[in-house]
C-alpha cells in the first residue's frame, strides 16, 4: 500500500541548542563524529530486556554486556497495527496541517497546554484526542502492560531524512506525564537509542520496526535518556505517541484538573492545535 507523499515546509522550527541542516549545516558533521565515538549495543527484542550472555535465551544472539546502570522498562510489540491501518492513519494525519518543530521535524499536537517550569496546565485550544486514537487505545488496553492506560495527550512527529530530522537525548517530563510513554512507529523502521545517566559514552539501540508499538517506563523512562539519531531515519517516519497523567493529577491534590482533562481527551473529537 502506497502512502501519498506530503509537501514539506521549508521553515525551520529549531530553538536554543536544537539544530537541523537548514539552520546549522556546518554543525551536523561534528554531531555525527561525536556519535561515532559512542559504544553501541543492540537491544534484544527476543528477550525484551538487556541481558548478559549467560542469561540470554538460546535462540537469541543479540545479548548485551553488563551495563553501568540498571536498564529496564522497555516493551516492544511488533505488528501492533496492519499496513492498511497505517495507510488510513497517515492519510488522516496528512489531511491536517503539520507545524514546524525542532531539529528538522514537523508535528501535530492534541493535548493540554503545559508550563513545566511553573507547573501550570490548562486546556487552552485542546479539543480532545483525535477520533483515530479511539480504536488504538481500546486495543492497547487489552494488553497486560497497558490495562489501566488512560491517555490524555497525543503527539505526531514527522521525521524526514532530507530534513535531517532527529530528536536529541532527553527525558520526558515526569510532573504532568505519567509512568508509561507509548509510541506506534509508522512508515519505516528506525532505532530508539538510550543513553545512561552517568554520561558514559555508550548507547542501547532498540530497533523499532514499522507497525510496532513500544512502551517505555521504569529506569528506561526516568534514568536513561532517549533519542532518535539522524542516521537512523532512512525514510519518512511518523511517531504517534500517547501520554498519561501522573498520580498527582489522578488521585492527588490536582485530581480535579486531571479528571477534567481526561473527560475532554476521551471525547475523541480533537483536531491538531
C-alpha atoms as a PDB file:
ATOM      1  CA  UNK A   1       0.000   0.000   0.000  1.00  0.00           C
ATOM      2  CA  UNK A   2       1.331   3.379  -1.010  1.00  0.00           C
ATOM      3  CA  UNK A   3       1.100   6.424   1.238  1.00  0.00           C
ATOM      4  CA  UNK A   4       0.934   9.779  -0.576  1.00  0.00           C
ATOM      5  CA  UNK A   5       3.993  11.992  -0.236  1.00  0.00           C
ATOM      6  CA  UNK A   6       3.231  15.229   1.571  1.00  0.00           C
ATOM      7  CA  UNK A   7       4.738  18.598   0.679  1.00  0.00           C
ATOM      8  CA  UNK A   8       7.420  19.745   3.148  1.00  0.00           C
ATOM      9  CA  UNK A   9       7.562  23.264   4.541  1.00  0.00           C
ATOM     10  CA  UNK A  10      10.995  24.932   4.200  1.00  0.00           C
ATOM     11  CA  UNK A  11      10.517  26.644   7.551  1.00  0.00           C
ATOM     12  CA  UNK A  12      12.813  25.658  10.423  1.00  0.00           C
ATOM     13  CA  UNK A  13      11.377  25.389  13.943  1.00  0.00           C
ATOM     14  CA  UNK A  14      14.658  24.974  15.866  1.00  0.00           C
ATOM     15  CA  UNK A  15      15.157  26.873  19.124  1.00  0.00           C
ATOM     16  CA  UNK A  16      18.010  27.181  21.597  1.00  0.00           C
ATOM     17  CA  UNK A  17      20.555  24.393  21.195  1.00  0.00           C
ATOM     18  CA  UNK A  18      18.386  22.422  18.721  1.00  0.00           C
ATOM     19  CA  UNK A  19      19.744  22.359  15.159  1.00  0.00           C
ATOM     20  CA  UNK A  20      18.961  20.949  11.735  1.00  0.00           C
ATOM     21  CA  UNK A  21      20.728  21.104   8.344  1.00  0.00           C
ATOM     22  CA  UNK A  22      18.678  24.160   7.385  1.00  0.00           C
ATOM     23  CA  UNK A  23      19.797  26.346  10.306  1.00  0.00           C
ATOM     24  CA  UNK A  24      23.247  24.914  11.172  1.00  0.00           C
ATOM     25  CA  UNK A  25      24.587  22.795   8.284  1.00  0.00           C
ATOM     26  CA  UNK A  26      28.184  23.159   9.466  1.00  0.00           C
ATOM     27  CA  UNK A  27      27.483  21.542  12.843  1.00  0.00           C
ATOM     28  CA  UNK A  28      25.904  18.325  11.582  1.00  0.00           C
ATOM     29  CA  UNK A  29      29.225  16.675  10.666  1.00  0.00           C
ATOM     30  CA  UNK A  30      30.622  17.354  14.153  1.00  0.00           C
ATOM     31  CA  UNK A  31      27.477  15.871  15.684  1.00  0.00           C
ATOM     32  CA  UNK A  32      27.887  12.712  13.615  1.00  0.00           C
ATOM     33  CA  UNK A  33      31.556  12.419  14.612  1.00  0.00           C
ATOM     34  CA  UNK A  34      30.581  12.500  18.290  1.00  0.00           C
ATOM     35  CA  UNK A  35      28.064   9.718  17.748  1.00  0.00           C
ATOM     36  CA  UNK A  36      30.664   7.534  16.045  1.00  0.00           C
ATOM     37  CA  UNK A  37      32.708   7.598  19.254  1.00  0.00           C
ATOM     38  CA  UNK A  38      29.846   6.069  21.252  1.00  0.00           C
ATOM     39  CA  UNK A  39      29.868   2.335  22.004  1.00  0.00           C
ATOM     40  CA  UNK A  40      26.534   0.989  20.767  1.00  0.00           C
ATOM     41  CA  UNK A  41      24.808  -2.187  21.932  1.00  0.00           C
ATOM     42  CA  UNK A  42      21.734  -3.615  20.275  1.00  0.00           C
ATOM     43  CA  UNK A  43      18.695  -4.301  22.442  1.00  0.00           C
ATOM     44  CA  UNK A  44      17.320  -7.812  22.164  1.00  0.00           C
ATOM     45  CA  UNK A  45      13.631  -7.971  21.159  1.00  0.00           C
ATOM     46  CA  UNK A  46      13.600 -11.753  21.716  1.00  0.00           C
ATOM     47  CA  UNK A  47      14.393 -11.395  25.420  1.00  0.00           C
ATOM     48  CA  UNK A  48      12.720  -7.955  25.559  1.00  0.00           C
ATOM     49  CA  UNK A  49      15.329  -6.860  28.090  1.00  0.00           C
ATOM     50  CA  UNK A  50      19.098  -6.321  28.227  1.00  0.00           C
ATOM     51  CA  UNK A  51      20.762  -9.488  29.485  1.00  0.00           C
ATOM     52  CA  UNK A  52      24.205 -10.993  29.863  1.00  0.00           C
ATOM     53  CA  UNK A  53      25.298 -13.860  27.626  1.00  0.00           C
ATOM     54  CA  UNK A  54      24.757 -16.449  30.349  1.00  0.00           C
ATOM     55  CA  UNK A  55      21.171 -15.324  30.993  1.00  0.00           C
ATOM     56  CA  UNK A  56      20.059 -14.876  27.408  1.00  0.00           C
ATOM     57  CA  UNK A  57      17.727 -17.300  25.683  1.00  0.00           C
ATOM     58  CA  UNK A  58      19.492 -19.792  23.454  1.00  0.00           C
ATOM     59  CA  UNK A  59      17.542 -18.578  20.430  1.00  0.00           C
ATOM     60  CA  UNK A  60      18.879 -15.074  20.913  1.00  0.00           C
ATOM     61  CA  UNK A  61      22.299 -13.797  19.848  1.00  0.00           C
ATOM     62  CA  UNK A  62      21.840 -10.064  20.496  1.00  0.00           C
ATOM     63  CA  UNK A  63      22.571 -10.121  24.238  1.00  0.00           C
ATOM     64  CA  UNK A  64      24.037  -7.086  25.990  1.00  0.00           C
ATOM     65  CA  UNK A  65      27.018  -6.990  28.354  1.00  0.00           C
ATOM     66  CA  UNK A  66      26.753  -5.799  31.947  1.00  0.00           C
ATOM     67  CA  UNK A  67      25.629  -2.166  31.930  1.00  0.00           C
ATOM     68  CA  UNK A  68      26.840   0.791  34.013  1.00  0.00           C
ATOM     69  CA  UNK A  69      23.284   1.454  35.274  1.00  0.00           C
ATOM     70  CA  UNK A  70      20.103  -0.576  35.604  1.00  0.00           C
ATOM     71  CA  UNK A  71      18.088  -0.625  32.396  1.00  0.00           C
ATOM     72  CA  UNK A  72      14.527  -1.904  32.416  1.00  0.00           C
ATOM     73  CA  UNK A  73      11.050  -0.915  31.350  1.00  0.00           C
ATOM     74  CA  UNK A  74      11.072  -1.353  27.556  1.00  0.00           C
ATOM     75  CA  UNK A  75       8.351  -3.480  25.965  1.00  0.00           C
ATOM     76  CA  UNK A  76       8.373  -3.849  22.184  1.00  0.00           C
ATOM     77  CA  UNK A  77       5.367  -5.297  20.348  1.00  0.00           C
ATOM     78  CA  UNK A  78       5.802  -5.862  16.584  1.00  0.00           C
ATOM     79  CA  UNK A  79       2.886  -5.570  14.145  1.00  0.00           C
ATOM     80  CA  UNK A  80       0.596  -3.735  16.546  1.00  0.00           C
ATOM     81  CA  UNK A  81      -1.172  -2.230  13.534  1.00  0.00           C
ATOM     82  CA  UNK A  82      -1.674  -3.562   9.997  1.00  0.00           C
ATOM     83  CA  UNK A  83      -0.399  -1.993   6.751  1.00  0.00           C
ATOM     84  CA  UNK A  84      -3.965  -0.966   5.886  1.00  0.00           C
ATOM     85  CA  UNK A  85      -4.440   0.700   9.284  1.00  0.00           C
ATOM     86  CA  UNK A  86      -1.185   2.584   8.791  1.00  0.00           C
ATOM     87  CA  UNK A  87      -2.365   3.898   5.416  1.00  0.00           C
ATOM     88  CA  UNK A  88      -5.648   5.135   6.910  1.00  0.00           C
ATOM     89  CA  UNK A  89      -3.842   6.778   9.851  1.00  0.00           C
ATOM     90  CA  UNK A  90      -1.294   8.580   7.692  1.00  0.00           C
ATOM     91  CA  UNK A  91      -3.897   9.763   5.189  1.00  0.00           C
ATOM     92  CA  UNK A  92      -5.842  11.323   8.064  1.00  0.00           C
ATOM     93  CA  UNK A  93      -2.704  12.921   9.512  1.00  0.00           C
ATOM     94  CA  UNK A  94      -1.714  14.375   6.142  1.00  0.00           C
ATOM     95  CA  UNK A  95      -5.180  15.911   5.756  1.00  0.00           C
ATOM     96  CA  UNK A  96      -4.249  18.151   8.725  1.00  0.00           C
ATOM     97  CA  UNK A  97      -1.553  20.804   8.814  1.00  0.00           C
ATOM     98  CA  UNK A  98       1.900  19.831  10.038  1.00  0.00           C
ATOM     99  CA  UNK A  99       3.536  22.508  12.204  1.00  0.00           C
ATOM    100  CA  UNK A 100       7.317  23.126  12.005  1.00  0.00           C
ATOM    101  CA  UNK A 101       9.045  21.706  15.081  1.00  0.00           C
ATOM    102  CA  UNK A 102      12.634  21.461  16.248  1.00  0.00           C
ATOM    103  CA  UNK A 103      15.577  19.505  14.823  1.00  0.00           C
ATOM    104  CA  UNK A 104      14.109  19.016  11.344  1.00  0.00           C
ATOM    105  CA  UNK A 105      10.754  17.601  12.482  1.00  0.00           C
ATOM    106  CA  UNK A 106       7.145  18.665  11.968  1.00  0.00           C
ATOM    107  CA  UNK A 107       4.388  17.917  14.468  1.00  0.00           C
ATOM    108  CA  UNK A 108       0.697  17.700  15.329  1.00  0.00           C
ATOM    109  CA  UNK A 109      -0.369  18.121  18.972  1.00  0.00           C
ATOM    110  CA  UNK A 110      -3.523  17.028  20.780  1.00  0.00           C
ATOM    111  CA  UNK A 111      -3.264  17.836  24.469  1.00  0.00           C
ATOM    112  CA  UNK A 112      -3.403  20.440  27.229  1.00  0.00           C
ATOM    113  CA  UNK A 113      -1.057  23.408  27.231  1.00  0.00           C
ATOM    114  CA  UNK A 114       1.555  22.977  29.968  1.00  0.00           C
ATOM    115  CA  UNK A 115       4.163  25.235  31.511  1.00  0.00           C
ATOM    116  CA  UNK A 116       6.505  22.675  33.045  1.00  0.00           C
ATOM    117  CA  UNK A 117       8.726  25.205  34.838  1.00  0.00           C
ATOM    118  CA  UNK A 118       5.796  26.886  36.595  1.00  0.00           C
ATOM    119  CA  UNK A 119       3.862  23.607  36.852  1.00  0.00           C
ATOM    120  CA  UNK A 120       0.724  25.055  35.322  1.00  0.00           C
ATOM    121  CA  UNK A 121      -1.611  23.316  32.885  1.00  0.00           C
ATOM    122  CA  UNK A 122      -4.771  24.418  31.095  1.00  0.00           C
ATOM    123  CA  UNK A 123      -6.918  23.073  28.256  1.00  0.00           C
ATOM    124  CA  UNK A 124      -6.310  26.144  26.031  1.00  0.00           C
ATOM    125  CA  UNK A 125      -7.197  25.003  22.476  1.00  0.00           C
ATOM    126  CA  UNK A 126      -7.312  21.302  23.369  1.00  0.00           C
ATOM    127  CA  UNK A 127     -10.467  19.704  21.922  1.00  0.00           C
ATOM    128  CA  UNK A 128      -9.726  16.083  22.818  1.00  0.00           C
ATOM    129  CA  UNK A 129      -7.772  13.204  21.360  1.00  0.00           C
ATOM    130  CA  UNK A 130      -8.482  12.607  17.653  1.00  0.00           C
ATOM    131  CA  UNK A 131     -11.098  10.062  16.598  1.00  0.00           C
ATOM    132  CA  UNK A 132      -8.381   7.881  15.028  1.00  0.00           C
ATOM    133  CA  UNK A 133      -6.955   7.240  18.516  1.00  0.00           C
ATOM    134  CA  UNK A 134     -10.039   5.568  19.988  1.00  0.00           C
ATOM    135  CA  UNK A 135      -9.674   2.083  18.420  1.00  0.00           C
ATOM    136  CA  UNK A 136      -5.918   2.167  19.057  1.00  0.00           C
ATOM    137  CA  UNK A 137      -6.377   2.996  22.753  1.00  0.00           C
ATOM    138  CA  UNK A 138      -9.019   0.274  23.132  1.00  0.00           C
ATOM    139  CA  UNK A 139      -6.593  -2.254  21.625  1.00  0.00           C
ATOM    140  CA  UNK A 140      -3.780  -1.048  23.888  1.00  0.00           C
ATOM    141  CA  UNK A 141      -5.985  -1.574  26.942  1.00  0.00           C
ATOM    142  CA  UNK A 142      -6.287  -5.257  26.021  1.00  0.00           C
ATOM    143  CA  UNK A 143      -2.540  -5.646  26.646  1.00  0.00           C
ATOM    144  CA  UNK A 144      -1.368  -6.682  30.111  1.00  0.00           C
ATOM    145  CA  UNK A 145       1.139  -3.814  30.276  1.00  0.00           C
ATOM    146  CA  UNK A 146      -1.474  -1.173  29.314  1.00  0.00           C
ATOM    147  CA  UNK A 147      -4.693  -2.343  31.002  1.00  0.00           C
ATOM    148  CA  UNK A 148      -5.015   0.825  33.071  1.00  0.00           C
ATOM    149  CA  UNK A 149      -3.668   3.193  30.394  1.00  0.00           C
ATOM    150  CA  UNK A 150      -5.779   6.364  30.082  1.00  0.00           C
ATOM    151  CA  UNK A 151      -4.033   8.751  27.673  1.00  0.00           C
ATOM    152  CA  UNK A 152      -4.542  12.481  27.979  1.00  0.00           C
ATOM    153  CA  UNK A 153      -2.157  13.700  25.273  1.00  0.00           C
ATOM    154  CA  UNK A 154      -1.253  12.597  21.755  1.00  0.00           C
ATOM    155  CA  UNK A 155       1.581  13.877  19.596  1.00  0.00           C
ATOM    156  CA  UNK A 156       2.538  13.072  15.997  1.00  0.00           C
ATOM    157  CA  UNK A 157       6.157  13.720  14.995  1.00  0.00           C
ATOM    158  CA  UNK A 158       7.117  13.538  11.315  1.00  0.00           C
ATOM    159  CA  UNK A 159      10.762  12.673  10.567  1.00  0.00           C
ATOM    160  CA  UNK A 160      12.297  13.195   7.113  1.00  0.00           C
ATOM    161  CA  UNK A 161      15.835  12.180   6.122  1.00  0.00           C
ATOM    162  CA  UNK A 162      16.044  15.041   3.609  1.00  0.00           C
ATOM    163  CA  UNK A 163      15.463  17.471   6.501  1.00  0.00           C
ATOM    164  CA  UNK A 164      17.987  15.811   8.814  1.00  0.00           C
ATOM    165  CA  UNK A 165      15.220  15.042  11.315  1.00  0.00           C
ATOM    166  CA  UNK A 166      16.276  13.906  14.783  1.00  0.00           C
ATOM    167  CA  UNK A 167      15.291  14.171  18.427  1.00  0.00           C
ATOM    168  CA  UNK A 168      18.159  14.795  20.817  1.00  0.00           C
ATOM    169  CA  UNK A 169      18.733  12.757  24.010  1.00  0.00           C
ATOM    170  CA  UNK A 170      16.146  13.787  26.595  1.00  0.00           C
ATOM    171  CA  UNK A 171      13.864  12.612  29.393  1.00  0.00           C
ATOM    172  CA  UNK A 172      10.148  13.328  29.142  1.00  0.00           C
ATOM    173  CA  UNK A 173       8.556  15.414  31.871  1.00  0.00           C
ATOM    174  CA  UNK A 174       7.518  13.454  34.975  1.00  0.00           C
ATOM    175  CA  UNK A 175       5.410  16.133  36.735  1.00  0.00           C
ATOM    176  CA  UNK A 176       2.440  16.011  34.329  1.00  0.00           C
ATOM    177  CA  UNK A 177       3.163  13.000  32.122  1.00  0.00           C
ATOM    178  CA  UNK A 178       2.841   9.658  33.866  1.00  0.00           C
ATOM    179  CA  UNK A 179       4.807   6.429  34.015  1.00  0.00           C
ATOM    180  CA  UNK A 180       4.233   4.999  30.543  1.00  0.00           C
ATOM    181  CA  UNK A 181       5.222   6.557  27.220  1.00  0.00           C
ATOM    182  CA  UNK A 182       3.542   4.685  24.362  1.00  0.00           C
ATOM    183  CA  UNK A 183       4.559   5.093  20.712  1.00  0.00           C
ATOM    184  CA  UNK A 184       3.385   3.489  17.472  1.00  0.00           C
ATOM    185  CA  UNK A 185       6.048   3.571  14.745  1.00  0.00           C
ATOM    186  CA  UNK A 186       4.725   4.370  11.253  1.00  0.00           C
ATOM    187  CA  UNK A 187       6.060   4.287   7.664  1.00  0.00           C
ATOM    188  CA  UNK A 188       9.603   2.975   8.222  1.00  0.00           C
ATOM    189  CA  UNK A 189      11.918   1.132  10.600  1.00  0.00           C
ATOM    190  CA  UNK A 190      14.073   3.190  12.924  1.00  0.00           C
ATOM    191  CA  UNK A 191      16.074   2.888  16.163  1.00  0.00           C
ATOM    192  CA  UNK A 192      15.358   4.378  19.595  1.00  0.00           C
ATOM    193  CA  UNK A 193      18.693   4.963  21.346  1.00  0.00           C
ATOM    194  CA  UNK A 194      19.058   5.112  25.137  1.00  0.00           C
ATOM    195  CA  UNK A 195      21.973   6.797  26.948  1.00  0.00           C
ATOM    196  CA  UNK A 196      22.981   6.001  30.570  1.00  0.00           C
ATOM    197  CA  UNK A 197      22.507   8.517  33.393  1.00  0.00           C
ATOM    198  CA  UNK A 198      26.220   8.580  34.266  1.00  0.00           C
ATOM    199  CA  UNK A 199      27.171  10.091  30.908  1.00  0.00           C
ATOM    200  CA  UNK A 200      29.261   7.132  29.789  1.00  0.00           C
ATOM    201  CA  UNK A 201      29.787   7.031  26.016  1.00  0.00           C
ATOM    202  CA  UNK A 202      27.555   4.067  25.252  1.00  0.00           C
ATOM    203  CA  UNK A 203      24.059   3.501  23.973  1.00  0.00           C
ATOM    204  CA  UNK A 204      21.434   0.785  23.886  1.00  0.00           C
ATOM    205  CA  UNK A 205      19.887   0.755  20.420  1.00  0.00           C
ATOM    206  CA  UNK A 206      16.297  -0.504  20.448  1.00  0.00           C
ATOM    207  CA  UNK A 207      15.092  -1.431  16.944  1.00  0.00           C
ATOM    208  CA  UNK A 208      11.624  -0.059  16.164  1.00  0.00           C
ATOM    209  CA  UNK A 209      10.108  -1.963  13.241  1.00  0.00           C
ATOM    210  CA  UNK A 210       7.429  -0.379  11.109  1.00  0.00           C
ATOM    211  CA  UNK A 211       3.909  -1.046  12.551  1.00  0.00           C
ATOM    212  CA  UNK A 212       5.338  -1.757  16.033  1.00  0.00           C
ATOM    213  CA  UNK A 213       4.347  -0.358  19.440  1.00  0.00           C
ATOM    214  CA  UNK A 214       6.838   0.442  22.184  1.00  0.00           C
ATOM    215  CA  UNK A 215       6.128   1.124  25.863  1.00  0.00           C
ATOM    216  CA  UNK A 216       8.844   2.944  27.845  1.00  0.00           C
ATOM    217  CA  UNK A 217       8.665   3.059  31.654  1.00  0.00           C
ATOM    218  CA  UNK A 218      10.838   2.316  34.709  1.00  0.00           C
ATOM    219  CA  UNK A 219      14.529   3.182  34.577  1.00  0.00           C
ATOM    220  CA  UNK A 220      14.423   3.498  30.774  1.00  0.00           C
ATOM    221  CA  UNK A 221      11.859   6.277  31.250  1.00  0.00           C
ATOM    222  CA  UNK A 222      13.243   8.070  34.310  1.00  0.00           C
ATOM    223  CA  UNK A 223      17.008   7.460  34.482  1.00  0.00           C
ATOM    224  CA  UNK A 224      18.206   6.918  30.909  1.00  0.00           C
ATOM    225  CA  UNK A 225      17.716   9.499  28.161  1.00  0.00           C
ATOM    226  CA  UNK A 226      16.372   8.507  24.750  1.00  0.00           C
ATOM    227  CA  UNK A 227      16.882   9.832  21.231  1.00  0.00           C
ATOM    228  CA  UNK A 228      16.312   9.211  17.522  1.00  0.00           C
ATOM    229  CA  UNK A 229      19.538   9.912  15.598  1.00  0.00           C
ATOM    230  CA  UNK A 230      19.580  11.425  12.115  1.00  0.00           C
ATOM    231  CA  UNK A 231      21.404   8.420  10.679  1.00  0.00           C
ATOM    232  CA  UNK A 232      18.600   6.152  11.930  1.00  0.00           C
ATOM    233  CA  UNK A 233      15.992   7.986   9.827  1.00  0.00           C
ATOM    234  CA  UNK A 234      16.341   6.372   6.399  1.00  0.00           C
ATOM    235  CA  UNK A 235      12.840   7.179   5.075  1.00  0.00           C
ATOM    236  CA  UNK A 236       9.865   9.225   6.169  1.00  0.00           C
ATOM    237  CA  UNK A 237       8.834   8.099   9.644  1.00  0.00           C
ATOM    238  CA  UNK A 238       5.947   9.185  11.900  1.00  0.00           C
ATOM    239  CA  UNK A 239       5.845   8.604  15.650  1.00  0.00           C
ATOM    240  CA  UNK A 240       2.350   8.514  17.177  1.00  0.00           C
ATOM    241  CA  UNK A 241       2.946   8.980  20.920  1.00  0.00           C
ATOM    242  CA  UNK A 242       0.394   8.862  23.738  1.00  0.00           C
ATOM    243  CA  UNK A 243       0.998  10.013  27.325  1.00  0.00           C
ATOM    244  CA  UNK A 244      -0.921   9.505  30.569  1.00  0.00           C
ATOM    245  CA  UNK A 245      -1.178  11.625  33.729  1.00  0.00           C
ATOM    246  CA  UNK A 246       0.858  11.282  36.921  1.00  0.00           C
ATOM    247  CA  UNK A 247      -0.778  10.243  40.243  1.00  0.00           C
ATOM    248  CA  UNK A 248      -0.764  13.935  41.225  1.00  0.00           C
ATOM    249  CA  UNK A 249      -3.458  14.506  38.576  1.00  0.00           C
ATOM    250  CA  UNK A 250      -5.281  11.200  39.090  1.00  0.00           C
ATOM    251  CA  UNK A 251      -5.606  10.758  42.852  1.00  0.00           C
ATOM    252  CA  UNK A 252      -3.537  13.591  44.307  1.00  0.00           C
ATOM    253  CA  UNK A 253      -4.021  17.275  45.037  1.00  0.00           C
ATOM    254  CA  UNK A 254      -4.720  18.113  41.389  1.00  0.00           C
ATOM    255  CA  UNK A 255      -7.108  15.261  40.643  1.00  0.00           C
ATOM    256  CA  UNK A 256      -9.951  17.661  39.774  1.00  0.00           C
ATOM    257  CA  UNK A 257      -7.817  19.162  36.997  1.00  0.00           C
ATOM    258  CA  UNK A 258      -6.798  15.712  35.821  1.00  0.00           C
ATOM    259  CA  UNK A 259     -10.374  14.418  35.679  1.00  0.00           C
ATOM    260  CA  UNK A 260     -11.454  17.437  33.646  1.00  0.00           C
ATOM    261  CA  UNK A 261      -8.597  16.911  31.165  1.00  0.00           C
ATOM    262  CA  UNK A 262      -9.337  13.190  30.831  1.00  0.00           C
ATOM    263  CA  UNK A 263     -13.018  13.850  30.150  1.00  0.00           C
ATOM    264  CA  UNK A 264     -12.056  16.261  27.401  1.00  0.00           C
ATOM    265  CA  UNK A 265      -9.422  13.917  25.979  1.00  0.00           C
ATOM    266  CA  UNK A 266     -11.832  10.994  25.784  1.00  0.00           C
ATOM    267  CA  UNK A 267     -14.438  12.805  23.719  1.00  0.00           C
ATOM    268  CA  UNK A 268     -12.208  11.772  20.782  1.00  0.00           C
ATOM    269  CA  UNK A 269     -13.263  14.844  18.822  1.00  0.00           C
ATOM    270  CA  UNK A 270      -9.897  16.545  18.727  1.00  0.00           C
ATOM    271  CA  UNK A 271      -8.136  18.387  15.937  1.00  0.00           C
ATOM    272  CA  UNK A 272      -4.459  19.466  15.961  1.00  0.00           C
ATOM    273  CA  UNK A 273      -3.737  22.601  17.946  1.00  0.00           C
END
